[in-house]
Protein backbone atom coordinates (compact mmCIF):
# COMPACT_ATOMS: atom_id res chain seq x y z
CA MET A 1 0.15 0.12 -0.22
CA ALA A 2 2.58 2.66 0.83
CA GLN A 3 4.91 2.51 -2.67
CA ASN A 4 1.33 2.82 -4.21
CA SER A 5 -0.46 5.01 -2.31
CA GLY A 6 2.10 8.03 -1.46
CA ALA A 7 1.75 10.45 1.79
CA VAL A 8 -1.63 10.73 2.89
CA PRO A 9 -2.36 13.49 5.48
CA ILE A 10 -4.47 12.04 8.99
CA VAL A 11 -7.92 12.32 8.44
CA GLN A 12 -10.09 14.55 10.50
CA LEU A 13 -13.41 12.84 10.47
CA GLN A 14 -16.94 14.68 11.61
CA VAL A 15 -19.36 12.46 13.55
CA ASP A 16 -22.62 12.37 11.31
CA ARG A 17 -24.98 10.37 13.87
CA VAL A 18 -25.69 7.07 15.42
CA LEU A 19 -27.96 5.04 13.51
CA SER A 20 -29.03 1.66 13.47
CA THR A 21 -30.15 -0.53 10.14
CA ALA A 22 -31.53 -4.74 11.03
CA GLU A 23 -28.58 -5.41 9.24
CA CYS A 24 -26.34 -8.04 11.15
CA THR A 25 -23.31 -5.64 11.15
CA LYS A 26 -24.82 -2.42 11.15
CA THR A 27 -26.69 -3.22 14.27
CA LEU A 28 -26.15 0.23 15.94
CA PHE A 29 -23.19 2.68 14.42
CA VAL A 30 -21.41 6.21 13.66
CA GLN A 31 -22.19 7.46 10.28
CA TRP A 32 -19.19 9.99 9.67
CA HIS A 33 -19.40 13.12 7.17
CA PRO A 34 -18.05 11.94 3.83
CA SER A 35 -14.70 12.45 3.87
CA PRO A 36 -12.36 13.87 -0.04
CA VAL A 37 -9.07 12.33 0.99
CA LEU A 38 -10.79 9.20 1.85
CA CYS A 39 -12.69 8.97 -1.58
CA GLN A 40 -9.71 9.84 -3.22
CA LEU A 41 -8.05 7.38 -1.43
CA THR A 42 -10.27 4.83 -1.72
CA ASP A 43 -10.51 4.91 -5.63
CA ALA A 44 -6.90 4.56 -6.12
CA LEU A 45 -6.64 1.67 -3.88
CA ARG A 46 -9.97 0.41 -6.57
CA ARG A 47 -7.95 0.65 -9.74
CA LEU A 48 -4.97 -1.41 -7.27
CA SER A 49 -6.93 -4.64 -6.90
CA ALA A 50 -6.81 -7.28 -8.70
CA THR A 51 -10.33 -7.86 -7.96
CA PRO A 52 -11.92 -4.54 -7.81
CA SER A 53 -15.39 -3.70 -5.99
CA ALA A 54 -17.88 -2.24 -6.85
CA SER A 55 -18.76 -0.96 -3.36
CA VAL A 56 -19.30 3.03 -2.52
CA LEU A 57 -17.33 4.06 0.20
CA ASN A 58 -19.58 4.89 3.26
CA LEU A 59 -17.81 5.90 5.95
CA HIS A 60 -19.29 4.31 9.45
CA ILE A 61 -17.77 2.23 12.53
CA SER A 62 -19.70 -0.44 13.87
CA LEU A 63 -20.62 -0.53 17.18
CA LEU A 64 -22.36 -3.57 17.99
CA TYR A 65 -22.82 -6.91 15.75
CA THR A 66 -26.01 -8.50 16.33
CA HIS A 67 -29.75 -9.02 15.94
CA MET A 68 -31.76 -6.95 18.11
CA CYS A 69 -35.54 -5.76 17.77
CA GLU A 70 -36.05 -2.76 16.03
CA SER A 71 -37.48 -0.57 18.65
CA GLU A 72 -34.16 -1.85 21.14
CA HIS A 73 -31.64 -0.71 18.19
CA ARG A 74 -33.20 2.54 17.59
CA HIS A 75 -33.34 3.52 20.94
CA LEU A 76 -29.94 3.36 21.49
CA ALA A 77 -28.75 5.08 18.20
CA GLU A 78 -31.44 7.70 19.59
CA THR A 79 -29.73 8.50 23.20
CA ILE A 80 -25.93 7.88 22.61
CA SER A 81 -24.52 11.18 22.34
CA LEU A 82 -20.72 11.09 21.03
CA SER A 83 -17.97 13.24 22.65
CA PRO A 84 -15.83 14.44 21.28
CA SER A 85 -17.79 14.82 17.65
CA THR A 86 -13.94 14.43 15.99
CA VAL A 87 -11.71 11.03 14.99
CA LEU A 88 -8.62 11.90 13.90
CA CYS A 89 -8.14 8.71 11.35
CA ASP A 90 -4.03 8.11 11.43
CA ALA A 91 -3.48 4.86 9.53
CA ILE A 92 -5.84 3.00 6.86
CA TRP A 93 -6.73 -0.87 7.26
CA ALA A 94 -7.05 -2.78 3.91
CA ILE A 95 -9.53 -5.53 4.74
CA ALA A 96 -10.55 -8.86 2.41
CA SER A 97 -13.79 -9.92 3.31
CA TRP A 98 -16.07 -12.36 0.98
CA GLY A 99 -19.87 -12.31 0.32
CA THR A 100 -22.25 -10.56 2.77
CA PRO A 101 -22.28 -11.10 6.63
CA ARG A 102 -25.38 -12.13 8.20
CA THR A 103 -23.76 -12.72 11.65
CA ALA A 104 -20.85 -11.53 13.64
CA ALA A 105 -19.61 -14.53 13.08
CA ASP A 106 -18.78 -14.04 9.04
CA VAL A 107 -16.83 -11.29 10.21
CA THR A 108 -13.86 -13.27 11.88
CA PRO A 109 -12.55 -14.64 8.53
CA TRP A 110 -12.02 -10.92 7.44
CA GLU A 111 -7.90 -10.89 6.51
CA VAL A 112 -6.36 -7.14 6.97
CA VAL A 113 -4.53 -7.41 3.67
CA GLY A 114 -2.42 -3.75 4.54
CA CYS A 115 -2.09 -0.65 6.63
CA GLN A 116 -0.74 2.40 5.95
CA PRO A 117 0.20 5.28 7.91
CA LEU A 118 -1.27 8.58 7.12
CA GLN A 119 1.33 11.29 8.01
CA PRO A 120 0.85 14.33 10.22
CA VAL A 121 0.57 17.95 8.68
CA PRO A 122 3.55 19.85 9.15
């Protein structure tokens, strides 16, 4: 990754909101505002991939991988308050995944295939 992606500055991610869905891997998650830098890096990595994905970058971090009733995960999403509302992203991790995960166990075989530390802005 390092030789192909070049120096990428540390990215500051802004929290958009906490959301929930019926999907096991997005039961409860933080949605980030779009990042032009990460979109460009994702596009560059996609072009370098032996099997490029057509997926669209959706910046989020899952907080919970489980199935629960809609009222419970909706209540959690509505009551969680995050502070601070910004996070510094100081590395990019490339993960190889297969199929569509439907349970937490489906995520276990995912593999880290690369890591690129990001550079502090001078």
